[in-house]
Amino acid sequence: MKRLIMLMAAVVPLSAALTPVAADAVARHHDNGAATRCAPVRVSAPPGAKVEHVTAVAHAGGTVTFPAAPPLPQPAPITDVPAWCDITVTLTHPGAKDHVNVKISLPQEPRDWTGRFQATGGSAYLAGDFGAPLVTAVKAGYVAAATDAGVGQSPVDVSGWALTADGKVDKPLLENFASRSAHDMAVVGKDVTMRFYGSPVRYAYWNGCSTGGRQGFEEAQAYPKDFQGILAGAPATNWDRFAVATLWPQVVFNEEDNHPTQCELEAFNTAAVKACDSLDGVADGIIDNPRDCHWDARRLVGTKVLCEGHQITISPADAAVVNKIWEGPVSPNGEKLWYGPNKGASFGWLAKAGTPFFVADNWVRYFVERDPGLDTTKLTYQRFAQIFRQSQREFNSVIGTDDPNLYAFRNAGGKLLSWHGQADELIPTQGSVDYRERVERFMGHTNVDDFYRLFLLPGVAHCGGGPGPAPTDPLGALVTWVEKGKAPDALATSKAN
């Protein structure tokens, strides 16, 4: 496999600003400097949809703050934001009984617009965030867009939309969440931009992480002409598998009747990092490539760990549980089903006894089993394997987002830049590697790096954080690739203090 794991050396950050040539072109394009009026515009509905209504709200700009929306962290205030206009288009799809809100945020003054359009993605069960991502993009000179897919603005709660009144999966809303809404957003966002400024979008970009990363891959696979550039971080691809596989630690706890504390679990991670830290020749407290780390949890048996003032001795049963979690889910006959978390990734989300990862918990209870009362901490190995296979059968074609055929995207001139932290504690990093390998096998005679690059970041957690340095401006690297033809051989990274 050629150049799958790209070099992670720090480089001079790539600016997201326009190149001088492009900047001149945009300046000439908007040289009248006239302000537009923040008002509803006529909108052409995407195929298969109808426009219900359009609203517009003007914002003065300046410093913009945002309310907290747990479990997501509260965004920091954004300063020096130019005046902008929010145009919200509500769509419906005949027969679906849905109401999908698409918000487009446009710099009020044409001179503040670079000619670029940026569609922003969601997280967990949130299809799009109507707050900080849009304002951040406006500040950078983009017209920005987000969609709620008709499922609301909660990344956690699916109880209001997953099932119909008769207990069946609401297929139209799931289709919205999985794929349709992102494409509709691209169509509507470009149309609103053209009507607002009287000028078309020059460059269209997708920017998302986690669910947003999965949406970006869906766009590349199913709607290859929507975006010239797609940035997809920590993508939740292989949804039909990963969203069941991340329940595996709870299954192990239940079947082995052993629930190590978080303190004990992290002692195993600490030991693994210590043992494998220097495999890359640099002692920095980070496992560079966890696949090279073959440290066995049984090496810690007999070690005494101080947890909340109590001394605990690591047992063989504890080590067996941790090895099973790292190995990832297998069927009762030993067939590997999917990947586990990398050594070095925190156990805090997936392996907290009695508290299953909410994405996986909701997916299994509402969509696969259609039983909101199901206790996913009580699954046996056999029942887990059945649920895993059921999810594949019923939902791979809907939300698997794993089609390796990217010929249409490549032929359209698109560029796909993806990155995934090696210490991702929510979505197993190896899933991204698996997809990239499948693309290379499917497109064997094509140099995949010409249009799709995957960066694996040592020590970086889900969408950032962790002990390793995270990307500082991956969107800027993508812009440079699309607009100047300079493909990134590395990403600029830094470690937050």
Protein backbone atom coordinates (compact mmCIF):
# COMPACT_ATOMS: atom_id res chain seq x y z
CA MET A 1 0.00 0.00 0.00
CA LYS A 2 1.57 3.28 -1.10
CA ARG A 3 1.85 6.27 1.24
CA LEU A 4 -1.17 5.41 3.37
CA ILE A 5 0.28 6.74 6.60
CA MET A 6 1.55 10.19 5.69
CA LEU A 7 4.45 11.91 7.42
CA MET A 8 3.26 13.86 10.44
CA ALA A 9 6.19 16.26 10.70
CA ALA A 10 5.31 19.85 11.62
CA VAL A 11 5.39 22.24 8.68
CA VAL A 12 4.68 25.91 8.23
CA PRO A 13 0.89 26.26 8.63
CA LEU A 14 -0.95 26.54 5.33
CA SER A 15 -3.13 29.63 5.25
CA ALA A 16 -6.82 29.35 4.46
CA ALA A 17 -6.62 32.75 2.76
CA LEU A 18 -6.95 33.14 -0.99
CA THR A 19 -3.83 32.97 -3.08
CA PRO A 20 -2.83 36.41 -4.44
CA VAL A 21 -4.14 35.58 -7.91
CA ALA A 22 -7.49 34.33 -6.60
CA ALA A 23 -7.77 37.28 -4.20
CA ASP A 24 -7.33 39.74 -7.08
CA ALA A 25 -9.97 37.92 -9.08
CA VAL A 26 -12.45 38.08 -6.22
CA ALA A 27 -11.68 41.76 -5.61
CA ARG A 28 -12.45 42.53 -9.24
CA HIS A 29 -15.56 40.35 -9.03
CA HIS A 30 -16.96 42.47 -6.18
CA ASP A 31 -15.29 45.78 -6.91
CA ASN A 32 -18.50 47.77 -6.46
CA GLY A 33 -18.41 46.96 -2.72
CA ALA A 34 -22.18 47.37 -2.54
CA ALA A 35 -24.00 45.80 0.40
CA THR A 36 -26.72 43.26 -0.24
CA ARG A 37 -30.04 43.26 1.60
CA CYS A 38 -30.70 40.58 4.22
CA ALA A 39 -34.07 39.30 3.07
CA PRO A 40 -35.63 36.01 1.97
CA VAL A 41 -34.77 35.00 -1.59
CA ARG A 42 -36.49 32.76 -4.09
CA VAL A 43 -35.07 29.24 -3.86
CA SER A 44 -35.18 26.43 -6.37
CA ALA A 45 -35.95 23.16 -4.60
CA PRO A 46 -33.58 20.23 -5.08
CA PRO A 47 -34.98 17.31 -7.09
CA GLY A 48 -37.46 15.36 -4.99
CA ALA A 49 -38.00 18.20 -2.52
CA LYS A 50 -40.29 21.19 -2.08
CA VAL A 51 -39.53 24.54 -0.44
CA GLU A 52 -41.93 25.19 2.44
CA HIS A 53 -40.70 28.63 3.48
CA VAL A 54 -37.66 30.92 3.59
CA THR A 55 -36.68 33.32 6.39
CA ALA A 56 -33.84 35.80 6.84
CA VAL A 57 -32.20 37.27 9.96
CA ALA A 58 -29.50 39.97 9.93
CA HIS A 59 -26.60 39.96 12.41
CA ALA A 60 -24.38 42.92 13.21
CA GLY A 61 -21.20 40.88 13.71
CA GLY A 62 -18.49 41.70 16.25
CA THR A 63 -17.92 39.20 19.08
CA VAL A 64 -20.26 36.21 18.93
CA THR A 65 -20.87 33.83 21.84
CA PHE A 66 -22.67 30.48 21.95
CA PRO A 67 -24.61 28.55 24.61
CA ALA A 68 -23.39 25.21 25.89
CA ALA A 69 -24.85 22.13 24.19
CA PRO A 70 -23.75 19.03 26.19
CA PRO A 71 -22.15 16.60 25.57
CA LEU A 72 -20.33 18.83 23.10
CA PRO A 73 -17.90 21.37 24.60
CA GLN A 74 -18.99 24.99 24.66
CA PRO A 75 -17.44 26.89 21.74
CA ALA A 76 -15.15 29.80 22.52
CA PRO A 77 -16.39 33.28 21.58
CA ILE A 78 -15.53 34.34 18.03
CA THR A 79 -14.29 37.90 17.62
CA ASP A 80 -14.16 40.32 14.68
CA VAL A 81 -16.98 38.65 12.79
CA PRO A 82 -18.28 40.76 9.88
CA ALA A 83 -21.98 41.52 9.60
CA TRP A 84 -23.81 38.57 8.10
CA CYS A 85 -27.21 37.34 7.02
CA ASP A 86 -28.74 33.99 8.00
CA ILE A 87 -31.16 32.64 5.41
CA THR A 88 -33.01 29.53 6.52
CA VAL A 89 -34.73 27.39 3.92
CA THR A 90 -37.20 24.75 5.09
CA LEU A 91 -37.65 21.78 2.75
CA THR A 92 -39.95 18.82 2.68
CA HIS A 93 -39.90 15.63 0.63
CA PRO A 94 -43.38 14.60 -0.52
CA GLY A 95 -44.48 11.47 1.30
CA ALA A 96 -41.78 11.78 3.96
CA LYS A 97 -43.71 14.13 6.27
CA ASP A 98 -40.41 15.83 7.10
CA HIS A 99 -39.37 19.44 7.64
CA VAL A 100 -35.67 19.97 6.96
CA ASN A 101 -34.04 23.27 7.91
CA VAL A 102 -31.02 24.42 5.92
CA LYS A 103 -29.27 27.49 7.29
CA ILE A 104 -27.02 29.53 4.99
CA SER A 105 -24.87 32.25 6.57
CA LEU A 106 -23.62 34.88 4.14
CA PRO A 107 -21.28 37.84 4.73
CA GLN A 108 -23.48 40.91 4.39
CA GLU A 109 -20.95 42.92 2.39
CA PRO A 110 -19.95 41.34 -0.94
CA ARG A 111 -16.35 42.47 -0.35
CA ASP A 112 -16.23 40.15 2.70
CA TRP A 113 -17.01 37.10 0.57
CA THR A 114 -14.12 35.22 -1.05
CA GLY A 115 -16.25 33.38 -3.58
CA ARG A 116 -16.06 30.20 -1.54
CA PHE A 117 -18.86 28.06 -0.14
CA GLN A 118 -18.37 25.82 2.92
CA ALA A 119 -20.88 23.17 3.95
CA THR A 120 -20.36 22.09 7.56
CA GLY A 121 -21.07 18.68 9.06
CA GLY A 122 -22.52 17.30 12.24
CA SER A 123 -21.55 15.10 15.17
CA ALA A 124 -23.14 11.96 16.62
CA TYR A 125 -26.86 12.26 15.73
CA LEU A 126 -26.57 15.95 14.92
CA ALA A 127 -26.55 16.46 11.14
CA GLY A 128 -25.29 20.02 11.37
CA ASP A 129 -24.47 22.65 13.99
CA PHE A 130 -26.21 25.97 13.36
CA GLY A 131 -23.83 27.88 15.64
CA ALA A 132 -20.05 28.20 15.82
CA PRO A 133 -19.07 26.39 12.58
CA LEU A 134 -21.15 28.79 10.50
CA VAL A 135 -19.85 31.92 12.20
CA THR A 136 -16.26 30.66 12.01
CA ALA A 137 -16.65 30.13 8.28
CA VAL A 138 -18.22 33.56 7.75
CA LYS A 139 -15.30 35.19 9.54
CA ALA A 140 -12.96 33.39 7.11
CA GLY A 141 -14.84 34.80 4.13
CA TYR A 142 -17.02 31.82 3.25
CA VAL A 143 -20.70 31.50 2.65
CA ALA A 144 -21.46 28.69 5.12
CA ALA A 145 -24.28 26.18 5.38
CA ALA A 146 -25.59 23.55 7.78
CA THR A 147 -28.63 21.27 7.85
CA ASP A 148 -30.63 19.66 10.64
CA ALA A 149 -31.75 16.84 8.27
CA GLY A 150 -35.22 17.19 9.76
CA VAL A 151 -34.12 15.39 12.94
CA GLY A 152 -33.51 18.41 15.20
CA GLN A 153 -30.48 19.80 16.96
CA SER A 154 -29.61 17.09 19.50
CA PRO A 155 -26.49 14.96 19.02
CA VAL A 156 -27.71 12.53 21.70
CA ASP A 157 -31.50 12.13 21.65
CA VAL A 158 -33.07 10.17 18.76
CA SER A 159 -36.29 9.30 20.57
CA GLY A 160 -38.26 11.96 18.72
CA TRP A 161 -37.45 10.82 15.20
CA ALA A 162 -35.95 7.33 14.97
CA LEU A 163 -39.22 5.38 15.11
CA THR A 164 -42.67 5.90 13.68
CA ALA A 165 -45.79 5.67 15.82
CA ASP A 166 -46.09 1.97 15.03
CA GLY A 167 -42.52 1.24 16.15
CA LYS A 168 -40.83 1.01 12.75
CA VAL A 169 -37.68 2.84 11.70
CA ASP A 170 -38.60 6.17 10.11
CA LYS A 171 -36.87 5.47 6.81
CA PRO A 172 -37.26 8.94 5.26
CA LEU A 173 -35.72 10.64 8.30
CA LEU A 174 -32.93 8.08 8.47
CA GLU A 175 -32.27 8.68 4.77
CA ASN A 176 -32.16 12.42 5.47
CA PHE A 177 -29.64 11.91 8.26
CA ALA A 178 -27.57 9.41 6.30
CA SER A 179 -27.26 11.11 2.92
CA ARG A 180 -30.07 13.15 1.38
CA SER A 181 -29.80 16.25 3.56
CA ALA A 182 -26.13 16.95 2.80
CA HIS A 183 -26.77 16.91 -0.93
CA ASP A 184 -29.87 19.08 -0.58
CA MET A 185 -27.80 21.52 1.49
CA ALA A 186 -25.18 21.75 -1.26
CA VAL A 187 -27.82 22.45 -3.92
CA VAL A 188 -29.76 24.98 -1.83
CA GLY A 189 -26.65 26.68 -0.44
CA LYS A 190 -25.22 27.37 -3.87
CA ASP A 191 -28.58 28.57 -5.17
CA VAL A 192 -29.10 30.97 -2.27
CA THR A 193 -25.57 32.30 -2.70
CA MET A 194 -26.14 33.02 -6.38
CA ARG A 195 -29.42 34.81 -5.67
CA PHE A 196 -28.00 36.77 -2.73
CA TYR A 197 -24.88 38.12 -4.48
CA GLY A 198 -25.80 37.72 -8.12
CA SER A 199 -22.56 35.75 -8.48
CA PRO A 200 -21.98 31.99 -8.44
CA VAL A 201 -19.88 30.03 -5.97
CA ARG A 202 -16.33 29.66 -7.33
CA TYR A 203 -15.12 26.91 -4.96
CA ALA A 204 -17.28 24.58 -2.85
CA TYR A 205 -15.87 22.77 0.19
CA TRP A 206 -17.15 20.25 2.72
CA ASN A 207 -15.82 20.53 6.27
CA GLY A 208 -16.75 17.96 8.90
CA CYS A 209 -15.47 15.62 11.60
CA SER A 210 -16.99 12.43 13.07
CA THR A 211 -20.54 12.35 11.68
CA GLY A 212 -19.42 15.31 9.58
CA GLY A 213 -16.55 13.22 8.28
CA ARG A 214 -18.94 10.43 7.34
CA GLN A 215 -21.17 12.91 5.55
CA GLY A 216 -18.16 14.10 3.56
CA PHE A 217 -17.38 10.56 2.41
CA GLU A 218 -21.03 10.08 1.48
CA GLU A 219 -20.83 13.18 -0.69
CA ALA A 220 -17.71 11.87 -2.44
CA GLN A 221 -19.33 8.47 -3.03
CA ALA A 222 -22.88 9.46 -3.98
CA TYR A 223 -22.76 13.11 -5.09
CA PRO A 224 -19.26 13.53 -6.54
CA LYS A 225 -19.92 16.90 -8.18
CA ASP A 226 -21.23 18.73 -5.10
CA PHE A 227 -17.80 19.75 -3.78
CA GLN A 228 -14.37 20.35 -5.26
CA GLY A 229 -12.79 19.73 -1.87
CA ILE A 230 -13.89 17.50 1.03
CA LEU A 231 -12.30 17.62 4.48
CA ALA A 232 -13.34 14.58 6.53
CA GLY A 233 -11.85 14.19 10.00
CA ALA A 234 -12.26 11.06 12.17
CA PRO A 235 -15.04 9.88 9.85
CA ALA A 236 -17.87 7.75 11.23
CA THR A 237 -17.87 5.61 8.09
CA ASN A 238 -18.78 1.92 8.29
CA TRP A 239 -21.63 3.15 10.52
CA ASP A 240 -23.57 -0.11 10.35
CA ARG A 241 -20.55 -1.86 11.92
CA PHE A 242 -18.78 0.67 14.12
CA ALA A 243 -22.05 1.77 15.75
CA VAL A 244 -22.53 -1.77 17.03
CA ALA A 245 -18.86 -2.64 17.53
CA THR A 246 -18.36 0.15 20.05
CA LEU A 247 -20.68 -1.69 22.44
CA TRP A 248 -18.14 -4.51 22.62
CA PRO A 249 -16.53 -3.44 25.93
CA GLN A 250 -19.94 -3.62 27.63
CA VAL A 251 -20.48 -7.11 26.20
CA VAL A 252 -17.08 -8.23 27.50
CA PHE A 253 -17.81 -6.82 30.95
CA ASN A 254 -21.13 -8.66 31.03
CA GLU A 255 -19.92 -12.04 29.74
CA GLU A 256 -16.72 -12.09 31.76
CA ASP A 257 -18.53 -10.75 34.85
CA ASN A 258 -15.63 -8.41 35.47
CA HIS A 259 -15.84 -4.62 35.42
CA PRO A 260 -12.44 -3.01 36.01
CA THR A 261 -12.57 0.57 37.20
CA GLN A 262 -11.49 3.41 34.94
CA CYS A 263 -8.37 3.76 37.04
CA GLU A 264 -7.44 0.14 36.42
CA LEU A 265 -8.21 0.36 32.71
CA GLU A 266 -6.08 3.44 32.23
CA ALA A 267 -3.23 1.70 34.05
CA PHE A 268 -3.15 -0.74 31.13
CA ASN A 269 -3.03 2.11 28.63
CA THR A 270 -0.26 3.80 30.58
CA ALA A 271 1.76 0.60 30.59
CA ALA A 272 1.18 0.02 26.88
CA VAL A 273 2.32 3.54 26.00
CA LYS A 274 5.42 3.16 28.16
CA ALA A 275 6.28 -0.15 26.51
CA CYS A 276 5.72 1.01 22.92
CA ASP A 277 6.62 4.68 23.11
CA SER A 278 10.14 4.27 21.74
CA LEU A 279 9.26 2.00 18.81
CA ASP A 280 9.48 5.03 16.53
CA GLY A 281 12.84 6.04 17.99
CA VAL A 282 11.42 9.02 19.90
CA ALA A 283 10.42 8.91 23.59
CA ASP A 284 7.53 11.39 23.72
CA GLY A 285 4.78 9.55 25.61
CA ILE A 286 2.94 8.69 22.37
CA ILE A 287 2.58 5.45 20.42
CA ASP A 288 3.35 6.48 16.86
CA ASN A 289 1.73 3.47 15.16
CA PRO A 290 -0.37 1.35 17.53
CA ARG A 291 -0.39 -1.53 15.05
CA ASP A 292 3.29 -2.00 15.82
CA CYS A 293 2.57 -2.23 19.56
CA HIS A 294 2.22 -5.90 20.53
CA TRP A 295 2.32 -5.37 24.29
CA ASP A 296 0.09 -7.89 26.08
CA ALA A 297 -2.12 -6.80 28.96
CA ARG A 298 -1.08 -9.92 30.89
CA ARG A 299 2.28 -8.24 31.45
CA LEU A 300 0.57 -6.06 34.08
CA VAL A 301 -0.85 -8.95 36.14
CA GLY A 302 0.24 -8.66 39.77
CA THR A 303 0.97 -4.92 39.53
CA LYS A 304 -0.50 -2.81 42.32
CA VAL A 305 -2.43 0.28 41.22
CA LEU A 306 -3.55 3.10 43.52
CA CYS A 307 -7.14 4.06 42.68
CA GLU A 308 -8.94 6.71 44.75
CA GLY A 309 -6.84 5.94 47.79
CA HIS A 310 -7.23 2.16 47.49
CA GLN A 311 -4.52 -0.21 46.32
CA ILE A 312 -5.74 -2.68 43.73
CA THR A 313 -3.81 -5.62 42.35
CA ILE A 314 -4.28 -6.29 38.64
CA SER A 315 -5.67 -9.78 38.14
CA PRO A 316 -5.48 -12.20 35.19
CA ALA A 317 -9.21 -11.62 34.68
CA ASP A 318 -8.62 -7.87 34.37
CA ALA A 319 -5.93 -8.44 31.76
CA ALA A 320 -8.17 -10.82 29.81
CA VAL A 321 -10.91 -8.18 29.65
CA VAL A 322 -8.51 -5.51 28.37
CA ASN A 323 -7.00 -7.79 25.73
CA LYS A 324 -10.49 -8.63 24.46
CA ILE A 325 -11.39 -4.94 24.23
CA TRP A 326 -8.19 -4.13 22.32
CA GLU A 327 -8.71 -7.10 20.02
CA GLY A 328 -12.16 -5.83 19.04
CA PRO A 329 -15.41 -7.71 18.61
CA VAL A 330 -15.40 -11.32 17.50
CA SER A 331 -18.20 -13.84 17.00
CA PRO A 332 -18.64 -16.78 19.40
CA ASN A 333 -16.66 -18.96 16.96
CA GLY A 334 -13.78 -16.48 16.86
CA GLU A 335 -14.54 -14.67 13.58
CA LYS A 336 -13.31 -11.06 13.68
CA LEU A 337 -16.22 -8.68 13.26
CA TRP A 338 -14.65 -5.22 13.52
CA TYR A 339 -11.82 -3.29 15.13
CA GLY A 340 -11.25 -2.30 18.73
CA PRO A 341 -9.70 0.91 20.06
CA ASN A 342 -5.98 1.38 19.60
CA LYS A 343 -3.63 0.95 22.51
CA GLY A 344 -3.20 4.42 23.97
CA ALA A 345 -6.80 5.51 23.31
CA SER A 346 -8.68 6.39 26.48
CA PHE A 347 -11.21 3.87 27.82
CA GLY A 348 -13.36 6.70 29.25
CA TRP A 349 -16.16 6.61 26.69
CA LEU A 350 -16.40 3.06 25.40
CA ALA A 351 -15.37 1.10 28.46
CA LYS A 352 -17.10 2.74 31.41
CA ALA A 353 -18.91 -0.10 33.13
CA GLY A 354 -22.67 0.25 32.90
CA THR A 355 -22.48 3.31 30.64
CA PRO A 356 -22.48 2.32 26.98
CA PHE A 357 -21.35 4.77 24.30
CA PHE A 358 -24.53 6.69 23.51
CA VAL A 359 -24.14 6.55 19.72
CA ALA A 360 -23.92 2.75 19.78
CA ASP A 361 -26.55 2.40 22.50
CA ASN A 362 -29.10 4.47 20.56
CA TRP A 363 -28.28 2.78 17.27
CA VAL A 364 -28.89 -0.71 18.63
CA ARG A 365 -31.93 0.14 20.75
CA TYR A 366 -33.83 2.32 18.28
CA PHE A 367 -32.71 1.35 14.80
CA VAL A 368 -31.52 -2.27 14.88
CA GLU A 369 -33.74 -3.74 17.61
CA ARG A 370 -36.52 -1.13 17.61
CA ASP A 371 -36.70 -1.58 21.36
CA PRO A 372 -35.94 1.63 23.32
CA GLY A 373 -36.10 -0.34 26.58
CA LEU A 374 -33.30 -2.74 25.64
CA ASP A 375 -30.39 -2.83 28.12
CA THR A 376 -27.30 -2.99 25.92
CA THR A 377 -25.06 -3.67 28.92
CA LYS A 378 -26.62 -7.14 29.22
CA LEU A 379 -25.82 -8.50 25.76
CA THR A 380 -24.16 -11.89 25.44
CA TYR A 381 -21.46 -12.67 22.90
CA GLN A 382 -23.98 -14.60 20.81
CA ARG A 383 -26.67 -11.91 20.87
CA PHE A 384 -24.10 -9.23 20.09
CA ALA A 385 -22.93 -11.10 16.98
CA GLN A 386 -26.54 -11.48 15.83
CA ILE A 387 -27.18 -7.76 16.26
CA PHE A 388 -23.94 -6.92 14.45
CA ARG A 389 -24.95 -9.01 11.43
CA GLN A 390 -28.49 -7.64 11.49
CA SER A 391 -27.19 -4.09 11.41
CA GLN A 392 -25.03 -4.94 8.40
CA ARG A 393 -27.88 -6.57 6.51
CA GLU A 394 -30.43 -3.86 7.10
CA PHE A 395 -28.39 -0.67 7.10
CA ASN A 396 -25.16 -1.02 5.15
CA SER A 397 -26.79 0.26 1.98
CA VAL A 398 -28.40 3.12 3.92
CA ILE A 399 -25.61 4.47 6.13
CA GLY A 400 -22.59 2.21 5.69
CA THR A 401 -20.84 4.96 3.68
CA ASP A 402 -18.16 2.48 2.62
CA ASP A 403 -18.41 2.33 -1.19
CA PRO A 404 -14.80 2.19 -2.46
CA ASN A 405 -15.76 3.37 -5.94
CA LEU A 406 -14.49 6.95 -6.07
CA TYR A 407 -14.00 7.09 -9.83
CA ALA A 408 -16.74 9.68 -10.35
CA PHE A 409 -15.32 11.92 -7.64
CA ARG A 410 -11.83 11.61 -9.08
CA ASN A 411 -13.07 12.24 -12.62
CA ALA A 412 -14.89 15.37 -11.43
CA GLY A 413 -11.56 16.72 -10.18
CA GLY A 414 -12.46 16.43 -6.49
CA LYS A 415 -9.91 16.28 -3.67
CA LEU A 416 -10.59 14.33 -0.47
CA LEU A 417 -8.45 15.08 2.57
CA SER A 418 -9.08 12.86 5.61
CA TRP A 419 -7.34 12.53 8.96
CA HIS A 420 -7.87 10.29 11.96
CA GLY A 421 -6.26 10.33 15.40
CA GLN A 422 -4.39 7.18 16.41
CA ALA A 423 -5.75 7.66 19.94
CA ASP A 424 -9.37 8.11 18.87
CA GLU A 425 -11.43 6.89 21.81
CA LEU A 426 -14.81 6.81 20.00
CA ILE A 427 -14.35 5.62 16.42
CA PRO A 428 -11.72 2.91 15.86
CA THR A 429 -8.98 4.42 13.69
CA GLN A 430 -8.47 1.17 11.84
CA GLY A 431 -11.86 1.62 10.17
CA SER A 432 -10.44 4.56 8.21
CA VAL A 433 -7.40 2.49 7.25
CA ASP A 434 -9.68 -0.36 6.19
CA TYR A 435 -11.65 1.93 3.88
CA ARG A 436 -8.52 3.44 2.33
CA GLU A 437 -7.13 -0.04 1.66
CA ARG A 438 -10.40 -1.07 0.02
CA VAL A 439 -10.31 2.00 -2.23
CA GLU A 440 -6.76 1.12 -3.28
CA ARG A 441 -7.76 -2.45 -4.07
CA PHE A 442 -10.83 -1.33 -6.04
CA MET A 443 -8.97 1.39 -7.94
CA GLY A 444 -5.75 -0.58 -8.21
CA HIS A 445 -4.49 1.00 -11.41
CA THR A 446 -5.11 4.53 -10.09
CA ASN A 447 -2.75 6.60 -7.97
CA VAL A 448 -5.24 7.21 -5.18
CA ASP A 449 -3.00 9.81 -3.56
CA ASP A 450 -3.69 12.08 -6.53
CA PHE A 451 -7.16 12.82 -5.15
CA TYR A 452 -7.53 11.14 -1.70
CA ARG A 453 -5.07 11.39 1.16
CA LEU A 454 -5.39 9.96 4.64
CA PHE A 455 -3.27 11.19 7.55
CA LEU A 456 -3.00 9.19 10.79
CA LEU A 457 -2.07 11.41 13.73
CA PRO A 458 -0.19 9.78 16.64
CA GLY A 459 -1.66 10.48 20.07
CA VAL A 460 -4.62 12.51 18.78
CA ALA A 461 -8.05 11.72 20.23
CA HIS A 462 -11.45 12.02 18.54
CA CYS A 463 -11.51 15.16 16.36
CA GLY A 464 -8.65 16.59 18.43
CA GLY A 465 -7.24 16.57 21.93
CA GLY A 466 -5.15 13.82 23.45
CA PRO A 467 -1.38 13.85 24.07
CA GLY A 468 -0.47 14.25 20.39
CA PRO A 469 -0.40 17.38 18.21
CA ALA A 470 -3.61 17.94 16.25
CA PRO A 471 -3.96 19.59 12.82
CA THR A 472 -3.97 23.39 12.94
CA ASP A 473 -5.39 24.19 9.51
CA PRO A 474 -6.38 21.13 7.48
CA LEU A 475 -8.98 23.15 5.59
CA GLY A 476 -6.24 25.53 4.49
CA ALA A 477 -4.24 22.55 3.21
CA LEU A 478 -7.29 21.38 1.26
CA VAL A 479 -7.86 24.85 -0.22
CA THR A 480 -4.25 24.97 -1.37
CA TRP A 481 -4.63 21.51 -2.95
CA VAL A 482 -7.85 22.42 -4.78
CA GLU A 483 -6.97 25.94 -5.87
CA LYS A 484 -3.22 25.70 -6.43
CA GLY A 485 -2.81 21.99 -7.17
CA LYS A 486 -0.33 21.51 -4.31
CA ALA A 487 -1.18 18.23 -2.55
CA PRO A 488 -0.28 18.04 1.16
CA ASP A 489 2.53 15.61 2.06
CA ALA A 490 2.11 16.57 5.73
CA LEU A 491 -0.29 18.51 7.91
CA ALA A 492 0.71 21.39 10.14
CA THR A 493 0.07 20.32 13.74
CA SER A 494 0.40 21.75 17.21
CA LYS A 495 -0.27 20.63 20.77
CA ALA A 496 -2.77 22.73 22.69
CA ASN A 497 -1.53 23.79 26.13
